[in-house]
């Protein structure tokens, strides 16, 4: 998986509010990765960061989900644009 040179990977907690990203990698222990995949944050999934400074409100697959700063810092995304 080679990221685009124009959209360097960043942590979900660093994605600006209102921006859309694509999940590139899940870090953390296996249990955490399984839990967030079950919530819809699988690799290549599109996610929109709605807002927040922790907990962060994200929209994935039409559902809004709140994530702690610790959880959002374990999800690597590539920014695609703004809503």
Protein backbone atom coordinates (compact mmCIF):
# COMPACT_ATOMS: atom_id res chain seq x y z
CA UNK A 1 0.00 0.00 0.00
CA UNK A 2 1.76 3.13 -1.27
CA UNK A 3 0.22 6.40 -0.12
CA UNK A 4 -0.21 9.26 -2.57
CA UNK A 5 2.59 11.85 -2.32
CA UNK A 6 -0.07 14.59 -2.25
CA UNK A 7 -2.05 13.08 0.64
CA UNK A 8 0.42 11.87 3.26
CA UNK A 9 -1.03 9.52 5.88
CA UNK A 10 -2.10 11.08 9.17
CA UNK A 11 -3.82 9.97 12.32
CA UNK A 12 -7.59 10.28 12.44
CA UNK A 13 -7.27 12.67 15.40
CA UNK A 14 -5.24 15.01 13.12
CA UNK A 15 -7.82 15.04 10.31
CA UNK A 16 -9.52 18.47 10.19
CA UNK A 17 -13.19 18.69 11.15
CA UNK A 18 -15.37 18.37 8.06
CA UNK A 19 -12.70 16.48 6.13
CA UNK A 20 -13.10 13.06 4.58
CA UNK A 21 -10.43 10.40 4.71
CA UNK A 22 -9.84 6.79 3.80
CA UNK A 23 -8.64 4.38 6.47
CA UNK A 24 -5.19 3.12 5.50
CA UNK A 25 -4.04 1.23 8.57
CA UNK A 26 -5.16 0.24 12.05
CA UNK A 27 -2.50 0.20 14.74
CA UNK A 28 -2.77 -1.05 18.28
CA UNK A 29 -3.40 -4.48 19.70
CA UNK A 30 -5.41 -7.12 17.89
CA UNK A 31 -8.44 -6.67 20.14
CA UNK A 32 -8.65 -2.95 19.39
CA UNK A 33 -8.27 -3.52 15.65
CA UNK A 34 -11.03 -6.12 15.67
CA UNK A 35 -13.36 -3.83 17.66
CA UNK A 36 -12.97 -0.84 15.33
CA UNK A 37 -13.34 -3.07 12.25
CA UNK A 38 -16.64 -4.30 13.70
CA UNK A 39 -17.70 -0.64 14.14
CA UNK A 40 -17.00 -0.04 10.44
CA UNK A 41 -13.46 1.38 10.46
CA UNK A 42 -11.93 -1.28 8.21
CA UNK A 43 -9.02 -0.60 5.89
CA UNK A 44 -10.09 1.37 2.75
CA UNK A 45 -13.30 2.59 4.44
CA UNK A 46 -14.27 6.24 3.90
CA UNK A 47 -14.70 8.25 7.10
CA UNK A 48 -15.73 11.85 7.69
CA UNK A 49 -14.59 13.61 10.84
CA UNK A 50 -17.65 15.60 11.86
CA UNK A 51 -15.97 17.40 14.75
CA UNK A 52 -14.81 17.33 18.30
CA UNK A 53 -11.56 17.63 20.19
CA UNK A 54 -11.85 14.28 21.89
CA UNK A 55 -14.10 12.48 21.84
CA UNK A 56 -14.15 12.85 18.08
CA UNK A 57 -17.41 12.41 16.16
CA UNK A 58 -16.88 10.50 12.92
CA UNK A 59 -19.31 9.33 10.29
CA UNK A 60 -18.66 5.95 8.74
CA UNK A 61 -21.11 4.00 6.57
CA UNK A 62 -23.88 6.49 7.40
CA UNK A 63 -23.46 6.14 11.17
CA UNK A 64 -21.97 8.66 13.57
CA UNK A 65 -19.56 7.20 16.08
CA UNK A 66 -17.66 8.89 18.94
CA UNK A 67 -14.02 7.89 19.37
CA UNK A 68 -11.64 8.80 22.18
CA UNK A 69 -8.39 10.56 21.36
CA UNK A 70 -6.51 7.34 22.12
CA UNK A 71 -8.66 5.35 19.67
CA UNK A 72 -8.47 8.02 16.95
CA UNK A 73 -4.68 8.09 17.27
CA UNK A 74 -4.55 4.38 16.34
CA UNK A 75 -6.35 4.86 13.01
CA UNK A 76 -4.18 6.03 10.09
CA UNK A 77 -6.06 7.82 7.29
CA UNK A 78 -5.35 9.52 4.01
CA UNK A 79 -7.20 12.85 3.64
CA UNK A 80 -9.39 13.01 0.54
CA UNK A 81 -11.20 16.33 0.82
CA UNK A 82 -13.85 18.28 2.66
CA UNK A 83 -17.62 17.76 2.75
